[in-house]
N, C-alpha and C. Protein backbone atom coordinates (compact mmCIF):
# COMPACT_ATOMS: atom_id res chain seq x y z
N MET A 1 128.09 108.21 83.22
CA MET A 1 127.57 109.55 83.16
C MET A 1 126.06 109.52 82.93
N LEU A 2 125.61 108.68 82.01
CA LEU A 2 124.17 108.58 81.77
C LEU A 2 123.44 108.02 82.98
N ARG A 3 124.08 107.08 83.65
CA ARG A 3 123.46 106.47 84.82
C ARG A 3 123.36 107.49 85.96
N ASN A 4 124.41 108.26 86.20
CA ASN A 4 124.41 109.25 87.28
C ASN A 4 123.48 110.43 87.00
N SER A 5 123.30 110.77 85.73
CA SER A 5 122.44 111.90 85.40
C SER A 5 120.96 111.56 85.52
N GLY A 6 120.63 110.29 85.52
CA GLY A 6 119.24 109.88 85.60
C GLY A 6 118.58 109.71 84.25
N LEU A 7 119.29 110.07 83.18
CA LEU A 7 118.72 109.96 81.84
C LEU A 7 118.46 108.51 81.46
N LEU A 8 119.39 107.64 81.80
CA LEU A 8 119.24 106.23 81.46
C LEU A 8 118.02 105.63 82.16
N GLU A 9 117.82 105.95 83.43
CA GLU A 9 116.65 105.46 84.16
C GLU A 9 115.36 106.04 83.60
N PHE A 10 115.41 107.32 83.21
CA PHE A 10 114.23 107.96 82.63
C PHE A 10 113.83 107.29 81.32
N LEU A 11 114.80 107.10 80.43
CA LEU A 11 114.51 106.44 79.15
C LEU A 11 114.06 105.00 79.37
N SER A 12 114.69 104.32 80.32
CA SER A 12 114.33 102.93 80.60
C SER A 12 112.91 102.82 81.15
N SER A 13 112.51 103.77 81.97
CA SER A 13 111.14 103.72 82.51
C SER A 13 110.10 103.96 81.43
N ILE A 14 110.40 104.85 80.50
CA ILE A 14 109.46 105.12 79.40
C ILE A 14 109.33 103.89 78.51
N VAL A 15 110.47 103.36 78.08
CA VAL A 15 110.44 102.20 77.19
C VAL A 15 109.96 100.95 77.95
N GLY A 16 110.37 100.85 79.22
CA GLY A 16 109.98 99.70 80.03
C GLY A 16 108.49 99.58 80.23
N SER A 17 107.82 100.70 80.41
CA SER A 17 106.37 100.65 80.58
C SER A 17 105.69 100.20 79.29
N ALA A 18 106.26 100.57 78.15
CA ALA A 18 105.70 100.13 76.87
C ALA A 18 105.97 98.64 76.61
N LEU A 19 107.11 98.15 77.10
CA LEU A 19 107.49 96.76 76.84
C LEU A 19 107.04 95.79 77.93
N LYS A 20 106.40 96.30 78.97
CA LYS A 20 105.97 95.46 80.08
C LYS A 20 105.00 94.36 79.61
N ASN A 21 104.14 94.69 78.66
CA ASN A 21 103.17 93.71 78.15
C ASN A 21 103.83 92.58 77.36
N PHE A 22 105.06 92.80 76.91
CA PHE A 22 105.76 91.79 76.12
C PHE A 22 106.70 90.94 76.97
N ASN A 23 106.61 91.08 78.30
CA ASN A 23 107.40 90.28 79.24
C ASN A 23 108.91 90.50 79.08
N VAL A 24 109.29 91.75 78.83
CA VAL A 24 110.70 92.12 78.72
C VAL A 24 111.18 92.55 80.10
N PRO A 25 112.25 91.93 80.61
CA PRO A 25 112.75 92.32 81.93
C PRO A 25 113.22 93.78 81.93
N GLN A 26 112.79 94.52 82.94
CA GLN A 26 113.14 95.94 83.05
C GLN A 26 114.64 96.16 83.20
N GLU A 27 115.33 95.21 83.77
CA GLU A 27 116.76 95.34 84.03
C GLU A 27 117.60 95.30 82.76
N ILE A 28 117.05 94.78 81.69
CA ILE A 28 117.77 94.63 80.42
C ILE A 28 117.75 95.92 79.60
N ILE A 29 116.75 96.74 79.79
CA ILE A 29 116.54 97.91 78.94
C ILE A 29 117.73 98.88 78.95
N PRO A 30 118.33 99.21 80.13
CA PRO A 30 119.50 100.09 80.07
C PRO A 30 120.66 99.49 79.26
N LEU A 31 120.84 98.19 79.35
CA LEU A 31 121.89 97.53 78.57
C LEU A 31 121.61 97.65 77.08
N ALA A 32 120.35 97.52 76.70
CA ALA A 32 119.98 97.64 75.29
C ALA A 32 120.25 99.05 74.75
N PHE A 33 120.08 100.05 75.61
CA PHE A 33 120.37 101.43 75.19
C PHE A 33 121.87 101.68 75.07
N ILE A 34 122.65 101.16 75.99
CA ILE A 34 124.07 101.49 76.07
C ILE A 34 124.93 100.67 75.12
N LYS A 35 124.56 99.44 74.83
CA LYS A 35 125.42 98.54 74.05
C LYS A 35 125.83 99.13 72.69
N PRO A 36 124.94 99.75 71.91
CA PRO A 36 125.41 100.31 70.63
C PRO A 36 126.34 101.50 70.78
N ILE A 37 126.36 102.12 71.94
CA ILE A 37 127.13 103.35 72.13
C ILE A 37 128.51 103.08 72.72
N SER A 38 128.57 102.27 73.79
CA SER A 38 129.83 102.11 74.51
C SER A 38 130.02 100.67 74.95
N GLY A 39 131.11 100.08 74.54
CA GLY A 39 131.43 98.71 74.93
C GLY A 39 131.78 98.59 76.40
N SER A 40 132.55 99.53 76.92
CA SER A 40 132.97 99.45 78.32
C SER A 40 131.81 99.73 79.27
N ALA A 41 130.95 100.67 78.92
CA ALA A 41 129.79 100.95 79.77
C ALA A 41 128.81 99.79 79.74
N SER A 42 128.63 99.18 78.57
CA SER A 42 127.73 98.03 78.50
C SER A 42 128.32 96.83 79.23
N MET A 43 129.64 96.69 79.23
CA MET A 43 130.26 95.61 79.99
C MET A 43 130.04 95.83 81.49
N ALA A 44 130.13 97.07 81.94
CA ALA A 44 129.88 97.37 83.35
C ALA A 44 128.43 97.07 83.73
N LEU A 45 127.50 97.47 82.86
CA LEU A 45 126.09 97.18 83.12
C LEU A 45 125.82 95.68 83.13
N ALA A 46 126.38 94.96 82.16
CA ALA A 46 126.18 93.52 82.11
C ALA A 46 126.78 92.84 83.32
N THR A 47 127.94 93.30 83.76
CA THR A 47 128.57 92.75 84.96
C THR A 47 127.69 92.98 86.19
N ASP A 48 127.12 94.17 86.29
CA ASP A 48 126.21 94.46 87.40
C ASP A 48 124.97 93.56 87.36
N ILE A 49 124.41 93.39 86.18
CA ILE A 49 123.22 92.54 86.03
C ILE A 49 123.54 91.11 86.41
N ILE A 50 124.65 90.58 85.90
CA ILE A 50 125.00 89.19 86.18
C ILE A 50 125.40 89.01 87.64
N SER A 51 126.05 89.99 88.24
CA SER A 51 126.39 89.91 89.66
C SER A 51 125.14 89.90 90.53
N LYS A 52 124.15 90.68 90.13
CA LYS A 52 122.93 90.80 90.92
C LYS A 52 122.00 89.60 90.73
N PHE A 53 121.84 89.12 89.50
CA PHE A 53 120.85 88.10 89.21
C PHE A 53 121.45 86.71 88.95
N GLY A 54 122.73 86.65 88.63
CA GLY A 54 123.36 85.37 88.36
C GLY A 54 123.33 84.99 86.89
N THR A 55 124.13 84.00 86.56
CA THR A 55 124.23 83.59 85.16
C THR A 55 123.14 82.60 84.75
N GLU A 56 122.51 81.97 85.69
CA GLU A 56 121.51 80.96 85.38
C GLU A 56 120.09 81.51 85.31
N THR A 57 119.92 82.80 85.55
CA THR A 57 118.60 83.39 85.48
C THR A 57 118.30 83.87 84.06
N ARG A 58 117.04 84.11 83.80
CA ARG A 58 116.64 84.59 82.47
C ARG A 58 117.28 85.95 82.19
N ILE A 59 117.30 86.82 83.19
CA ILE A 59 117.87 88.16 83.00
C ILE A 59 119.37 88.07 82.72
N GLY A 60 120.07 87.22 83.45
CA GLY A 60 121.51 87.04 83.23
C GLY A 60 121.83 86.47 81.86
N MET A 61 121.01 85.51 81.43
CA MET A 61 121.24 84.92 80.11
C MET A 61 120.93 85.90 78.98
N ILE A 62 119.89 86.72 79.15
CA ILE A 62 119.57 87.73 78.14
C ILE A 62 120.70 88.76 78.06
N ALA A 63 121.21 89.18 79.22
CA ALA A 63 122.31 90.15 79.23
C ALA A 63 123.54 89.58 78.52
N ALA A 64 123.86 88.33 78.80
CA ALA A 64 125.02 87.71 78.15
C ALA A 64 124.80 87.55 76.65
N THR A 65 123.59 87.22 76.25
CA THR A 65 123.30 87.07 74.83
C THR A 65 123.36 88.41 74.11
N ILE A 66 122.85 89.45 74.73
CA ILE A 66 122.94 90.80 74.13
C ILE A 66 124.41 91.20 73.97
N MET A 67 125.21 90.92 74.98
CA MET A 67 126.63 91.27 74.90
C MET A 67 127.33 90.53 73.77
N GLY A 68 126.95 89.29 73.54
CA GLY A 68 127.59 88.51 72.49
C GLY A 68 127.01 88.70 71.10
N ALA A 69 125.74 89.12 71.03
CA ALA A 69 125.06 89.17 69.74
C ALA A 69 124.99 90.56 69.12
N SER A 70 125.36 91.58 69.86
CA SER A 70 125.31 92.93 69.30
C SER A 70 126.69 93.56 69.34
N GLU A 71 126.80 94.70 68.73
CA GLU A 71 128.09 95.36 68.56
C GLU A 71 128.02 96.79 69.06
N THR A 72 129.16 97.36 69.38
CA THR A 72 129.22 98.79 69.69
C THR A 72 129.18 99.53 68.37
N THR A 73 127.99 99.72 67.89
CA THR A 73 127.71 100.15 66.53
C THR A 73 128.41 101.45 66.14
N PHE A 74 128.30 102.45 66.97
CA PHE A 74 128.83 103.75 66.58
C PHE A 74 130.35 103.77 66.52
N TYR A 75 131.00 102.99 67.37
CA TYR A 75 132.45 102.87 67.32
C TYR A 75 132.88 102.19 66.02
N VAL A 76 132.23 101.08 65.70
CA VAL A 76 132.58 100.33 64.49
C VAL A 76 132.33 101.18 63.24
N ILE A 77 131.21 101.90 63.21
CA ILE A 77 130.93 102.75 62.05
C ILE A 77 131.98 103.84 61.92
N ALA A 78 132.36 104.44 63.04
CA ALA A 78 133.38 105.50 62.98
C ALA A 78 134.71 104.96 62.46
N ILE A 79 135.12 103.79 62.92
CA ILE A 79 136.38 103.19 62.46
C ILE A 79 136.31 102.84 60.98
N TYR A 80 135.25 102.17 60.56
CA TYR A 80 135.14 101.76 59.16
C TYR A 80 135.01 102.95 58.22
N MET A 81 134.18 103.91 58.59
CA MET A 81 133.98 105.06 57.71
C MET A 81 135.26 105.90 57.61
N ASN A 82 136.00 105.98 58.68
CA ASN A 82 137.26 106.72 58.65
C ASN A 82 138.31 105.98 57.82
N SER A 83 138.31 104.67 57.88
CA SER A 83 139.33 103.91 57.15
C SER A 83 139.14 104.00 55.64
N ILE A 84 137.91 104.17 55.20
CA ILE A 84 137.67 104.30 53.75
C ILE A 84 137.46 105.76 53.34
N LYS A 85 137.64 106.66 54.30
CA LYS A 85 137.53 108.11 54.07
C LYS A 85 136.15 108.51 53.55
N ALA A 86 135.11 107.82 54.02
CA ALA A 86 133.75 108.15 53.62
C ALA A 86 133.22 109.28 54.50
N LYS A 87 132.41 110.13 53.91
CA LYS A 87 131.88 111.27 54.65
C LYS A 87 130.40 111.10 55.01
N LYS A 88 129.64 110.36 54.23
CA LYS A 88 128.22 110.19 54.49
C LYS A 88 127.98 108.80 55.11
N SER A 89 127.68 108.81 56.39
CA SER A 89 127.47 107.54 57.08
C SER A 89 125.99 107.25 57.31
N ARG A 90 125.12 108.08 56.80
CA ARG A 90 123.69 107.92 57.03
C ARG A 90 123.18 106.56 56.54
N LYS A 91 123.68 106.13 55.40
CA LYS A 91 123.21 104.86 54.83
C LYS A 91 123.74 103.65 55.59
N VAL A 92 124.70 103.86 56.45
CA VAL A 92 125.26 102.77 57.24
C VAL A 92 124.65 102.74 58.64
N ILE A 93 124.37 103.90 59.20
CA ILE A 93 123.89 103.98 60.58
C ILE A 93 122.50 103.35 60.73
N ILE A 94 121.59 103.64 59.85
CA ILE A 94 120.23 103.12 60.00
C ILE A 94 120.18 101.59 59.95
N PRO A 95 120.80 100.93 58.96
CA PRO A 95 120.79 99.46 59.00
C PRO A 95 121.52 98.89 60.21
N ALA A 96 122.57 99.57 60.66
CA ALA A 96 123.31 99.08 61.82
C ALA A 96 122.46 99.15 63.08
N ILE A 97 121.72 100.23 63.25
CA ILE A 97 120.84 100.35 64.42
C ILE A 97 119.71 99.32 64.32
N LEU A 98 119.17 99.12 63.14
CA LEU A 98 118.14 98.09 62.97
C LEU A 98 118.68 96.70 63.28
N ALA A 99 119.93 96.44 62.93
CA ALA A 99 120.55 95.16 63.26
C ALA A 99 120.72 95.01 64.77
N ASP A 100 121.08 96.09 65.46
CA ASP A 100 121.17 96.04 66.92
C ASP A 100 119.82 95.75 67.55
N ILE A 101 118.79 96.42 67.07
CA ILE A 101 117.44 96.19 67.59
C ILE A 101 117.03 94.74 67.35
N ALA A 102 117.32 94.23 66.16
CA ALA A 102 116.98 92.84 65.85
C ALA A 102 117.73 91.86 66.76
N SER A 103 118.99 92.14 67.05
CA SER A 103 119.75 91.23 67.91
C SER A 103 119.23 91.26 69.34
N ILE A 104 118.81 92.40 69.82
CA ILE A 104 118.28 92.51 71.18
C ILE A 104 116.91 91.81 71.26
N ILE A 105 116.06 92.02 70.28
CA ILE A 105 114.75 91.35 70.26
C ILE A 105 114.94 89.84 70.17
N THR A 106 115.86 89.40 69.34
CA THR A 106 116.13 87.97 69.21
C THR A 106 116.63 87.38 70.52
N ALA A 107 117.51 88.09 71.21
CA ALA A 107 118.02 87.60 72.50
C ALA A 107 116.88 87.44 73.50
N ILE A 108 115.97 88.39 73.53
CA ILE A 108 114.85 88.32 74.47
C ILE A 108 113.90 87.17 74.09
N LEU A 109 113.68 87.00 72.79
CA LEU A 109 112.77 85.93 72.36
C LEU A 109 113.35 84.54 72.54
N ILE A 110 114.65 84.39 72.31
CA ILE A 110 115.28 83.07 72.41
C ILE A 110 115.37 82.60 73.86
N ILE A 111 115.71 83.51 74.76
CA ILE A 111 115.87 83.15 76.17
C ILE A 111 114.49 83.27 76.84
N ARG A 112 113.75 82.22 76.84
CA ARG A 112 112.41 82.20 77.48
C ARG A 112 112.36 81.15 78.53
């Protein structure tokens, strides 16, 4: 839905232009946006990336590392917070998103 609406491409172009100086592949940015939100959508994006670029390319390896090193954050938070009947998830969401950002940055830095 995000891909068809054009929102994902719009956000990717904005962030991609800012990250161009840091040698971040443009093809990875949509995966970085989607991975914390949806596991199945991120799997589809990663499959598309790996099908297009291959597993031995830098882009393919970064996509695979992001898939293995990060989590579908919002799903996990919803499950955990519901299981303990917690109502305030604010203190959990911010560190979880920071952990996702750290895992994506680490994947990009490691695969050079």
